[in-house]
Amino acid sequence: MNDRPGNPWGALAALCIGFFMILLDATIVSIAIPAMLRGLNASLNAVVWVTSVYLLTYAVPMLFTSRLGDRFGPKRVFMVGLVLFTLASLWCGLAGDVGTLIAARGVQGIGAALMTPQTLAFISFLFPPARRGAAMGVWGGVAGLATVAGPLLGGVLVDNFNWPWIFYVNVPIGVVAVVMTVALVPDWRPNTGHSFDVPGILLSGAGLLLLVFGLQNGQQYDWGEVWGGITVFEIIAAGVVLLIAFAVWQRFNRREPLLPLRVFGNRNFSSGVLASVTVGFTMTGMFFPIVIYLQTVLGLTPLHAGLLTAPMSLLSGAVAPFVGRLSDKVNAKFLLMFGLVALAGGLAWISLQVTPTTAPLALIPALLVCGLGIGFIFSPMSAVTMGSVPRELTGAASGIFNTARQVGGVLGSAAVGVLLQARITASLADSTAGLPPQIRTGLSDAANVEGGAPPDLGSVPDGVRQQVTDAIHSGLTTAASQTLWLPAGFLVLGALAALAMRTSRRPAPAPNPGESRSAAPRM
């Protein structure tokens, strides 16, 4: 079936519910970090892996899963991913230890990888180019809202129930999404057969896994030996070598490479992919230091921390649809640049504001600037990146674009997590320099294991307990403030990439309704 449905907005709504759910789960874990540290008796590094493994299994298969949609039909692949994601969410909630939770999150990520490329592909099918900006605006609004709404919803659930409910909530939403998809989404079949680049899949997957493992666990192994004489830096180097081998293989694979390198000859696409990496890096990494600061230093509950970020979420969701429509009328690259710079500025503002005694409400203006920036990012970035891709490369380009954002998220989770742990250790060492040696040693050990979770001060003498508390809060504030500069700096790189884009093209005339995705016109 290749005819467009009579109500494309209904079909888009069904797809967006599933899309909202999978992006929500990329950030909802951040608000539950202190609760997980206590409830699972886990280290900060292990809990960071709960996010990283999801992003890793989300990113690695996506080039492959975008081809599955071409072969078997996007609706069918989307449905398989939706059911898998929903069942894995139930498994996450039932997990009794951090190892089981990490395994369940890995399965969740595979479900998300099956779903995401199909949503963007369906927009190209459901809407003619002249109306695609408004649809991209809705899609971008959902992406931005889901990414920043995670802490709010997570706070409500953790405060009133417990951390497993951040996963249980997906089950009823998933059931609703399945029913709506069956009823409203057409069974479109692009009817394009693809061969599958198995060596490419293995090389890219193994390379990313080694790279992320080395980056994220370097602090845990003190950047030395991991096992059998193999060091952290050797693992990272092996990952880089495998990724280089993947790129070389894609260059010489004459059949159908997983990553057709010629698509990067398009400047808008190459710049957009780089910008997408920086956005994924930031949107995943920015919440770790903010949550540690709000809950551990300022003493906010998960609910109150989530409510503090609610205006950012609401502003992002409200702005994005209007920006999507605007991207049909003006050069979308300037909208994207504004969004990237605004988000970077908001994070820098937060970094400069935070102290152990900052009033939580004083952070709202900076959070609103972040929300405004997010609202200006997703739909213009999609429009300008995909807008001039040759029609025969649309399917592959969609997979690459989505994969880039998720790879950025994997790297952001790993890099921000390891930097935060390193800065907590260093900052606590500085701020507790005047305390007795036995107390300093205990706090240092707690920082390495708990990563800033509120320590047990029961064994600390009453006379120095307040001094210890003040020192901990000072050290954690410094660590959070310094760590926020990393995602902010990456956004500047994204803004420079957007600046390199050429003027975006006007939408082309609407295609024949029967055209398949692989024959979609240039946008």
Protein backbone atom coordinates (compact mmCIF):
# COMPACT_ATOMS: atom_id res chain seq x y z
CA MET A 1 0.00 0.00 0.00
CA ASN A 2 1.63 3.26 -1.16
CA ASP A 3 -1.26 5.76 -1.21
CA ARG A 4 -1.04 8.52 1.38
CA PRO A 5 -3.73 8.20 4.08
CA GLY A 6 -6.63 10.62 4.24
CA ASN A 7 -5.51 11.79 7.69
CA PRO A 8 -1.70 11.96 7.74
CA TRP A 9 -1.76 13.90 11.02
CA GLY A 10 -3.46 10.99 12.77
CA ALA A 11 -0.77 8.62 11.51
CA LEU A 12 1.92 11.09 12.61
CA ALA A 13 0.35 11.31 16.07
CA ALA A 14 0.52 7.53 16.47
CA LEU A 15 4.18 7.46 15.41
CA CYS A 16 5.05 10.40 17.66
CA ILE A 17 3.72 8.63 20.76
CA GLY A 18 6.23 5.84 20.24
CA PHE A 19 8.97 8.34 19.33
CA PHE A 20 8.22 10.39 22.46
CA MET A 21 8.53 7.30 24.63
CA ILE A 22 11.93 6.23 23.34
CA LEU A 23 13.46 9.72 23.60
CA LEU A 24 11.95 10.18 27.06
CA ASP A 25 13.82 7.10 28.25
CA ALA A 26 17.13 8.60 27.15
CA THR A 27 16.90 11.27 29.91
CA ILE A 28 14.33 10.08 32.45
CA VAL A 29 16.99 7.97 34.19
CA SER A 30 19.02 11.07 35.10
CA ILE A 31 16.56 12.30 37.73
CA ALA A 32 16.51 8.85 39.37
CA ILE A 33 20.31 8.56 39.73
CA PRO A 34 20.43 9.18 43.52
CA ALA A 35 17.48 6.80 44.08
CA MET A 36 19.15 4.10 41.97
CA LEU A 37 22.45 4.53 43.77
CA ARG A 38 20.68 3.82 47.05
CA GLY A 39 18.10 1.27 45.87
CA LEU A 40 20.49 -0.88 43.83
CA ASN A 41 23.56 -0.31 46.03
CA ALA A 42 25.40 0.56 42.82
CA SER A 43 28.27 2.85 41.87
CA LEU A 44 27.79 6.01 39.84
CA ASN A 45 29.69 4.39 36.97
CA ALA A 46 27.27 1.44 36.93
CA VAL A 47 24.25 3.74 36.93
CA VAL A 48 25.75 5.82 34.12
CA TRP A 49 25.96 2.55 32.17
CA VAL A 50 22.17 2.23 32.56
CA THR A 51 21.94 5.24 30.24
CA SER A 52 24.98 4.48 28.10
CA VAL A 53 24.02 0.89 27.20
CA TYR A 54 20.60 2.12 26.11
CA LEU A 55 22.15 4.75 23.87
CA LEU A 56 24.76 2.31 22.58
CA THR A 57 22.28 -0.42 21.53
CA TYR A 58 20.07 2.37 20.18
CA ALA A 59 22.80 3.88 18.00
CA VAL A 60 24.77 0.92 16.68
CA PRO A 61 22.00 -0.97 14.80
CA MET A 62 20.25 2.08 13.36
CA LEU A 63 21.99 2.11 9.99
CA PHE A 64 20.90 -1.51 9.65
CA THR A 65 17.34 -1.00 10.94
CA SER A 66 16.71 1.82 8.47
CA ARG A 67 17.30 -0.74 5.69
CA LEU A 68 14.90 -3.19 7.37
CA GLY A 69 12.12 -0.63 6.91
CA ASP A 70 12.84 -0.49 3.19
CA ARG A 71 12.68 -4.26 2.84
CA PHE A 72 9.81 -5.27 5.12
CA GLY A 73 7.84 -2.03 5.42
CA PRO A 74 8.34 0.78 7.98
CA LYS A 75 5.08 0.06 9.80
CA ARG A 76 5.98 -3.57 10.45
CA VAL A 77 9.49 -2.77 11.66
CA PHE A 78 8.11 0.05 13.84
CA MET A 79 5.58 -2.33 15.41
CA VAL A 80 8.22 -4.97 16.20
CA GLY A 81 10.38 -2.32 17.85
CA LEU A 82 7.43 -0.88 19.79
CA VAL A 83 6.43 -4.27 21.23
CA LEU A 84 10.06 -5.11 22.10
CA PHE A 85 10.56 -1.72 23.76
CA THR A 86 7.39 -2.07 25.83
CA LEU A 87 8.26 -5.58 27.08
CA ALA A 88 11.83 -4.51 27.87
CA SER A 89 10.45 -1.58 29.90
CA LEU A 90 8.55 -4.06 32.07
CA TRP A 91 11.77 -6.07 32.51
CA CYS A 92 13.64 -2.90 33.57
CA GLY A 93 11.10 -2.19 36.28
CA LEU A 94 11.32 -5.74 37.62
CA ALA A 95 15.15 -5.74 37.72
CA GLY A 96 16.48 -6.42 41.20
CA ASP A 97 20.12 -5.56 40.57
CA VAL A 98 22.05 -3.16 38.39
CA GLY A 99 23.41 -5.89 36.08
CA THR A 100 19.92 -7.07 35.18
CA LEU A 101 18.79 -3.48 34.67
CA ILE A 102 21.70 -2.81 32.29
CA ALA A 103 20.80 -5.93 30.26
CA ALA A 104 17.13 -4.92 30.05
CA ARG A 105 18.09 -1.39 28.99
CA GLY A 106 20.19 -2.88 26.21
CA VAL A 107 17.12 -4.67 24.85
CA GLN A 108 15.15 -1.43 25.17
CA GLY A 109 17.74 0.29 23.00
CA ILE A 110 17.36 -2.34 20.26
CA GLY A 111 13.60 -1.71 20.23
CA ALA A 112 14.23 2.03 19.96
CA ALA A 113 16.66 1.46 17.06
CA LEU A 114 13.96 -0.41 15.15
CA MET A 115 11.44 2.40 15.66
CA THR A 116 13.29 5.69 15.15
CA PRO A 117 14.31 5.56 11.45
CA GLN A 118 10.76 4.65 10.49
CA THR A 119 9.27 7.83 12.00
CA LEU A 120 11.41 10.16 9.88
CA ALA A 121 10.86 8.01 6.80
CA PHE A 122 7.08 8.16 7.28
CA ILE A 123 7.14 11.96 7.35
CA SER A 124 8.62 11.92 3.83
CA PHE A 125 5.83 9.57 2.73
CA LEU A 126 2.86 11.10 4.57
CA PHE A 127 3.46 14.76 3.66
CA PRO A 128 4.36 16.48 0.38
CA PRO A 129 7.46 18.69 0.53
CA ALA A 130 5.47 21.93 0.78
CA ARG A 131 3.84 20.71 4.02
CA ARG A 132 6.79 18.85 5.40
CA GLY A 133 8.15 21.75 7.46
CA ALA A 134 5.04 21.81 9.67
CA ALA A 135 5.25 18.03 10.14
CA MET A 136 8.96 18.32 10.95
CA GLY A 137 8.01 21.02 13.46
CA VAL A 138 5.70 18.61 15.27
CA TRP A 139 8.34 15.87 15.11
CA GLY A 140 10.99 18.28 16.38
CA GLY A 141 8.67 19.49 19.14
CA VAL A 142 8.11 15.93 20.29
CA ALA A 143 11.88 15.26 20.21
CA GLY A 144 12.71 18.38 22.21
CA LEU A 145 9.83 17.99 24.67
CA ALA A 146 10.58 14.32 25.33
CA THR A 147 14.26 14.96 25.90
CA VAL A 148 13.73 17.67 28.52
CA ALA A 149 10.47 16.33 30.02
CA GLY A 150 12.25 13.22 31.29
CA PRO A 151 13.44 14.84 34.53
CA LEU A 152 9.95 16.21 35.32
CA LEU A 153 8.08 12.96 34.79
CA GLY A 154 10.90 11.01 36.42
CA GLY A 155 10.74 13.28 39.47
CA VAL A 156 7.01 12.74 39.88
CA LEU A 157 7.35 8.97 39.60
CA VAL A 158 10.44 8.59 41.82
CA ASP A 159 9.04 10.85 44.54
CA ASN A 160 5.61 9.24 44.69
CA PHE A 161 6.42 5.61 43.85
CA ASN A 162 10.07 4.62 43.29
CA TRP A 163 12.62 4.44 40.50
CA PRO A 164 11.13 1.27 38.81
CA TRP A 165 8.08 3.33 37.85
CA ILE A 166 10.11 5.39 35.38
CA PHE A 167 10.05 2.16 33.34
CA TYR A 168 6.61 0.81 34.28
CA VAL A 169 5.02 3.98 32.89
CA ASN A 170 6.08 2.91 29.40
CA VAL A 171 3.85 -0.16 29.47
CA PRO A 172 0.42 1.55 29.19
CA ILE A 173 1.86 4.17 26.82
CA GLY A 174 3.27 1.39 24.66
CA VAL A 175 -0.09 -0.40 24.54
CA VAL A 176 -1.83 2.82 23.43
CA ALA A 177 0.86 3.38 20.78
CA VAL A 178 0.41 -0.17 19.43
CA VAL A 179 -3.38 0.28 19.10
CA MET A 180 -3.03 3.68 17.40
CA THR A 181 -0.33 2.42 15.02
CA VAL A 182 -2.46 -0.53 13.94
CA ALA A 183 -5.48 1.72 13.37
CA LEU A 184 -3.97 4.87 11.88
CA VAL A 185 -0.60 4.15 10.23
CA PRO A 186 -0.72 2.83 6.64
CA ASP A 187 1.11 -0.35 5.75
CA TRP A 188 3.41 1.41 3.32
CA ARG A 189 5.84 -0.85 1.46
CA PRO A 190 8.69 0.98 -0.30
CA ASN A 191 9.39 -2.27 -2.20
CA THR A 192 13.13 -1.69 -2.31
CA GLY A 193 15.32 -4.70 -1.59
CA HIS A 194 18.62 -4.17 0.19
CA SER A 195 21.61 -6.34 0.89
CA PHE A 196 22.91 -6.17 4.44
CA ASP A 197 26.51 -5.16 5.09
CA VAL A 198 27.36 -7.70 7.82
CA PRO A 199 31.10 -6.77 8.06
CA GLY A 200 30.10 -3.12 8.37
CA ILE A 201 27.62 -3.88 11.14
CA LEU A 202 30.20 -5.89 13.10
CA LEU A 203 33.04 -3.38 12.66
CA SER A 204 30.95 -0.35 13.63
CA GLY A 205 29.33 -2.10 16.59
CA ALA A 206 32.57 -3.47 18.03
CA GLY A 207 34.39 -0.17 17.49
CA LEU A 208 31.76 1.89 19.26
CA LEU A 209 31.49 -0.60 22.12
CA LEU A 210 35.24 -0.56 22.80
CA LEU A 211 35.49 3.22 22.48
CA VAL A 212 32.60 3.89 24.88
CA PHE A 213 33.70 1.20 27.35
CA GLY A 214 37.19 2.68 27.52
CA LEU A 215 36.01 6.27 27.93
CA GLN A 216 33.39 5.53 30.54
CA ASN A 217 35.35 3.06 32.66
CA GLY A 218 38.71 4.82 32.53
CA GLN A 219 38.19 6.50 35.89
CA GLN A 220 37.11 3.22 37.51
CA TYR A 221 40.38 1.53 36.43
CA ASP A 222 42.46 4.64 37.14
CA TRP A 223 43.23 4.75 33.38
CA GLY A 224 45.44 1.68 33.81
CA GLU A 225 45.07 -2.08 33.42
CA VAL A 226 41.60 -3.54 32.96
CA TRP A 227 42.39 -7.26 32.69
CA GLY A 228 45.15 -9.52 31.39
CA GLY A 229 47.59 -6.66 30.94
CA ILE A 230 45.17 -4.78 28.61
CA THR A 231 44.92 -1.10 29.52
CA VAL A 232 42.11 1.40 29.12
CA PHE A 233 44.01 3.31 26.44
CA GLU A 234 44.59 0.12 24.47
CA ILE A 235 40.85 -0.58 24.51
CA ILE A 236 40.12 2.95 23.30
CA ALA A 237 42.78 2.63 20.59
CA ALA A 238 41.30 -0.70 19.44
CA GLY A 239 37.89 0.95 19.15
CA VAL A 240 39.33 3.78 17.04
CA VAL A 241 41.15 1.28 14.79
CA LEU A 242 37.96 -0.72 14.23
CA LEU A 243 36.02 2.45 13.36
CA ILE A 244 38.74 3.43 10.88
CA ALA A 245 38.55 -0.09 9.41
CA PHE A 246 34.77 0.38 9.15
CA ALA A 247 35.23 3.62 7.20
CA VAL A 248 37.78 1.96 4.87
CA TRP A 249 35.45 -0.99 4.30
CA GLN A 250 32.62 1.38 3.43
CA ARG A 251 34.90 3.02 0.87
CA PHE A 252 35.70 -0.27 -0.87
CA ASN A 253 32.37 -2.09 -0.48
CA ARG A 254 31.01 -1.90 -4.02
CA ARG A 255 27.71 -3.68 -3.38
CA GLU A 256 25.68 -1.69 -0.86
CA PRO A 257 27.67 -0.17 2.01
CA LEU A 258 26.04 0.44 5.37
CA LEU A 259 27.37 4.01 5.24
CA PRO A 260 27.49 5.32 1.65
CA LEU A 261 30.32 7.83 1.95
CA ARG A 262 29.28 9.80 -1.12
CA VAL A 263 26.35 11.28 0.81
CA PHE A 264 28.93 13.26 2.81
CA GLY A 265 29.83 15.11 -0.38
CA ASN A 266 26.72 17.19 0.35
CA ARG A 267 27.90 20.05 2.59
CA ASN A 268 24.52 20.59 4.26
CA PHE A 269 24.26 16.93 5.13
CA SER A 270 27.82 16.66 6.47
CA SER A 271 27.41 19.81 8.55
CA GLY A 272 24.01 18.66 9.79
CA VAL A 273 25.38 15.29 10.88
CA LEU A 274 28.15 17.00 12.86
CA ALA A 275 25.60 19.34 14.45
CA SER A 276 23.43 16.33 15.28
CA VAL A 277 26.34 14.65 17.10
CA THR A 278 26.87 17.75 19.25
CA VAL A 279 23.15 17.97 20.05
CA GLY A 280 22.99 14.32 21.08
CA PHE A 281 26.13 14.77 23.19
CA THR A 282 24.63 17.74 25.01
CA MET A 283 21.06 16.56 25.47
CA THR A 284 22.25 13.36 27.13
CA GLY A 285 25.14 14.77 29.14
CA MET A 286 23.72 18.03 30.49
CA PHE A 287 21.36 16.44 33.02
CA PHE A 288 23.92 14.42 35.01
CA PRO A 289 25.67 17.40 36.68
CA ILE A 290 22.43 19.37 37.01
CA VAL A 291 20.65 16.53 38.82
CA ILE A 292 23.58 15.86 41.18
CA TYR A 293 23.66 19.57 42.05
CA LEU A 294 19.92 20.03 42.53
CA GLN A 295 19.31 16.93 44.62
CA THR A 296 22.56 16.50 46.57
CA VAL A 297 23.67 20.11 47.10
CA LEU A 298 20.40 22.04 47.15
CA GLY A 299 18.50 19.13 48.71
CA LEU A 300 15.58 19.11 46.25
CA THR A 301 13.45 16.00 45.99
CA PRO A 302 13.23 14.33 42.56
CA LEU A 303 9.76 15.89 42.13
CA HIS A 304 10.92 19.40 42.98
CA ALA A 305 13.99 19.02 40.75
CA GLY A 306 11.71 17.92 37.91
CA LEU A 307 9.30 20.82 38.52
CA LEU A 308 12.20 23.25 38.37
CA THR A 309 12.99 22.08 34.83
CA ALA A 310 9.30 22.03 33.77
CA PRO A 311 9.31 25.59 32.29
CA MET A 312 12.24 24.58 30.08
CA SER A 313 10.25 21.59 28.80
CA LEU A 314 7.07 23.58 28.20
CA LEU A 315 8.83 26.41 26.37
CA SER A 316 10.70 23.95 24.14
CA GLY A 317 7.52 22.09 23.20
CA ALA A 318 5.60 25.33 22.56
CA VAL A 319 8.27 26.92 20.36
CA ALA A 320 9.19 23.95 18.15
CA PRO A 321 6.03 23.74 15.96
CA PHE A 322 6.25 27.45 15.11
CA VAL A 323 9.93 27.10 14.29
CA GLY A 324 9.08 24.15 12.03
CA ARG A 325 6.65 26.27 10.02
CA LEU A 326 9.17 29.12 9.93
CA SER A 327 11.81 26.79 8.50
CA ASP A 328 9.67 26.49 5.34
CA LYS A 329 9.92 30.27 4.82
CA VAL A 330 13.42 31.31 5.90
CA ASN A 331 16.89 29.82 5.78
CA ALA A 332 16.69 27.05 8.39
CA LYS A 333 20.43 27.12 9.13
CA PHE A 334 20.11 30.45 10.96
CA LEU A 335 17.29 29.09 13.11
CA LEU A 336 19.51 26.12 13.96
CA MET A 337 22.48 28.34 14.79
CA PHE A 338 20.34 30.45 17.11
CA GLY A 339 19.10 27.34 18.91
CA LEU A 340 22.59 25.90 19.39
CA VAL A 341 24.03 29.18 20.68
CA ALA A 342 21.05 29.77 22.99
CA LEU A 343 21.34 26.31 24.54
CA ALA A 344 25.10 26.74 25.01
CA GLY A 345 24.52 30.15 26.57
CA GLY A 346 21.89 28.77 28.94
CA LEU A 347 24.24 26.02 30.15
CA ALA A 348 27.09 28.49 30.60
CA TRP A 349 24.74 30.76 32.57
CA ILE A 350 23.78 27.87 34.88
CA SER A 351 27.46 27.00 35.37
CA LEU A 352 28.24 30.57 36.43
CA GLN A 353 25.21 30.77 38.74
CA VAL A 354 25.54 27.63 40.82
CA THR A 355 26.80 27.92 44.39
CA PRO A 356 26.03 25.81 47.47
CA THR A 357 23.48 28.45 48.51
CA THR A 358 21.90 29.44 45.16
CA ALA A 359 18.11 29.77 45.38
CA PRO A 360 16.59 27.15 43.03
CA LEU A 361 14.17 29.66 41.46
CA ALA A 362 17.13 31.84 40.45
CA LEU A 363 18.05 29.15 37.89
CA ILE A 364 14.75 29.42 35.98
CA PRO A 365 15.81 32.24 33.58
CA ALA A 366 18.85 30.24 32.46
CA LEU A 367 16.73 27.09 32.12
CA LEU A 368 14.24 29.04 29.97
CA VAL A 369 17.08 30.10 27.67
CA CYS A 370 17.99 26.39 27.37
CA GLY A 371 14.37 25.53 26.55
CA LEU A 372 14.19 28.25 23.90
CA GLY A 373 17.37 26.91 22.32
CA ILE A 374 16.08 23.33 22.26
CA GLY A 375 12.87 24.49 20.60
CA PHE A 376 14.90 26.03 17.77
CA ILE A 377 17.13 23.01 17.15
CA PHE A 378 15.37 19.82 16.09
CA SER A 379 13.04 20.72 13.21
CA PRO A 380 15.45 23.17 11.44
CA MET A 381 18.29 20.69 11.86
CA SER A 382 16.22 17.93 10.25
CA ALA A 383 14.98 20.20 7.46
CA VAL A 384 18.33 21.63 6.41
CA THR A 385 20.24 18.37 6.80
CA MET A 386 17.85 16.22 4.78
CA GLY A 387 16.61 18.99 2.47
CA SER A 388 19.17 18.68 -0.31
CA VAL A 389 20.07 14.99 -0.09
CA PRO A 390 19.76 13.26 -3.50
CA ARG A 391 16.58 11.22 -3.68
CA GLU A 392 18.37 7.93 -4.24
CA LEU A 393 20.21 8.40 -0.93
CA THR A 394 17.25 9.51 1.21
CA GLY A 395 16.84 6.19 3.03
CA ALA A 396 20.53 5.82 3.90
CA ALA A 397 20.82 9.50 4.84
CA SER A 398 17.89 9.20 7.26
CA GLY A 399 19.60 6.30 9.03
CA ILE A 400 22.94 8.14 9.20
CA PHE A 401 21.34 11.32 10.54
CA ASN A 402 19.50 9.50 13.33
CA THR A 403 22.54 7.38 14.14
CA ALA A 404 24.74 10.47 14.45
CA ARG A 405 22.55 11.96 17.16
CA GLN A 406 22.53 8.72 19.12
CA VAL A 407 26.29 8.24 18.78
CA GLY A 408 26.65 11.75 20.14
CA GLY A 409 24.41 10.73 23.04
CA VAL A 410 26.56 7.66 23.76
CA LEU A 411 29.73 9.74 23.77
CA GLY A 412 28.07 12.49 25.83
CA SER A 413 26.88 10.05 28.47
CA ALA A 414 30.34 8.46 28.71
CA ALA A 415 32.40 11.66 28.57
CA VAL A 416 30.25 13.72 30.94
CA GLY A 417 29.96 10.78 33.32
CA VAL A 418 33.72 10.25 33.55
CA LEU A 419 34.45 13.99 33.76
CA LEU A 420 31.88 14.42 36.53
CA GLN A 421 33.39 11.54 38.52
CA ALA A 422 36.91 12.94 38.07
CA ARG A 423 35.87 16.45 39.08
CA ILE A 424 33.93 15.18 42.13
CA THR A 425 37.04 13.35 43.35
CA ALA A 426 39.34 16.34 42.72
CA SER A 427 36.92 18.96 44.07
CA LEU A 428 36.22 17.01 47.25
CA ALA A 429 39.95 16.62 47.81
CA ASP A 430 40.34 20.41 47.61
CA SER A 431 37.28 21.34 49.65
CA THR A 432 38.03 18.86 52.47
CA ALA A 433 41.73 19.72 52.77
CA GLY A 434 41.25 21.11 56.29
CA LEU A 435 39.47 18.05 57.70
CA PRO A 436 41.05 15.21 59.69
CA PRO A 437 42.80 12.62 57.44
CA GLN A 438 40.49 9.72 58.36
CA ILE A 439 37.40 11.74 57.42
CA ARG A 440 38.95 12.87 54.14
CA THR A 441 39.77 9.28 53.21
CA GLY A 442 36.22 8.14 53.91
CA LEU A 443 34.72 10.94 51.81
CA SER A 444 37.13 10.22 48.94
CA ASP A 445 36.13 6.56 48.95
CA ALA A 446 32.44 7.52 49.01
CA ALA A 447 32.96 9.87 46.06
CA ASN A 448 34.58 7.12 43.99
CA VAL A 449 31.79 4.66 44.75
CA GLU A 450 28.70 6.86 45.04
CA GLY A 451 29.60 9.75 42.78
CA GLY A 452 28.09 12.41 44.96
CA ALA A 453 25.22 10.52 46.58
CA PRO A 454 24.53 11.94 50.05
CA PRO A 455 27.07 10.24 52.34
CA ASP A 456 26.30 8.78 55.74
CA LEU A 457 27.67 11.27 58.28
CA GLY A 458 26.65 9.23 61.30
CA SER A 459 30.26 8.39 62.15
CA VAL A 460 31.45 11.98 61.81
CA PRO A 461 31.93 13.82 65.13
CA ASP A 462 29.25 16.43 65.86
CA GLY A 463 31.81 19.20 66.06
CA VAL A 464 32.89 18.86 62.43
CA ARG A 465 29.67 17.51 60.84
CA GLN A 466 28.56 20.89 59.48
CA GLN A 467 32.07 21.56 58.22
CA VAL A 468 32.03 18.20 56.42
CA THR A 469 28.60 18.93 54.89
CA ASP A 470 29.74 22.36 53.69
CA ALA A 471 32.90 20.87 52.20
CA ILE A 472 30.92 18.18 50.35
CA HIS A 473 28.45 20.71 48.95
CA SER A 474 31.27 23.02 47.86
CA GLY A 475 33.11 20.17 46.12
CA LEU A 476 30.02 18.85 44.33
CA THR A 477 29.01 22.35 43.21
CA THR A 478 32.46 22.96 41.74
CA ALA A 479 32.38 19.59 39.96
CA ALA A 480 28.91 20.17 38.48
CA SER A 481 29.79 23.72 37.39
CA GLN A 482 32.99 22.67 35.65
CA THR A 483 31.38 19.66 33.97
CA LEU A 484 28.62 21.76 32.36
CA TRP A 485 31.22 23.56 30.25
CA LEU A 486 31.88 20.37 28.29
CA PRO A 487 28.41 20.06 26.65
CA ALA A 488 28.26 23.85 26.24
CA GLY A 489 31.56 23.79 24.35
CA PHE A 490 30.37 20.99 22.07
CA LEU A 491 27.37 23.12 21.08
CA VAL A 492 29.72 25.86 19.88
CA LEU A 493 31.26 23.26 17.55
CA GLY A 494 27.73 22.45 16.32
CA ALA A 495 27.03 26.14 15.68
CA LEU A 496 30.20 26.40 13.58
CA ALA A 497 29.04 23.36 11.60
CA ALA A 498 25.67 25.04 10.98
CA LEU A 499 27.45 28.20 9.85
CA ALA A 500 29.18 26.14 7.13
CA MET A 501 25.83 25.11 5.63
CA ARG A 502 24.74 26.54 2.33
CA THR A 503 21.42 28.34 1.92
CA SER A 504 18.65 25.77 2.26
CA ARG A 505 16.49 25.11 -0.77
CA ARG A 506 12.82 25.84 -1.16
CA PRO A 507 10.49 22.82 -1.01
CA ALA A 508 10.10 21.03 -4.32
CA PRO A 509 6.67 20.34 -5.89
CA ALA A 510 4.68 17.49 -4.36
CA PRO A 511 5.49 14.04 -5.77
CA ASN A 512 3.08 11.49 -7.13
CA PRO A 513 1.32 9.76 -4.21
CA GLY A 514 2.59 6.36 -5.30
CA GLU A 515 6.24 7.27 -5.16
CA SER A 516 8.29 5.20 -2.74
CA ARG A 517 10.68 6.62 -0.22
CA SER A 518 13.67 5.67 -2.31
CA ALA A 519 12.23 7.77 -5.11
CA ALA A 520 11.32 10.74 -2.94
CA PRO A 521 12.11 14.13 -4.49
CA ARG A 522 14.76 16.48 -3.31
CA MET A 523 13.36 18.61 -0.50
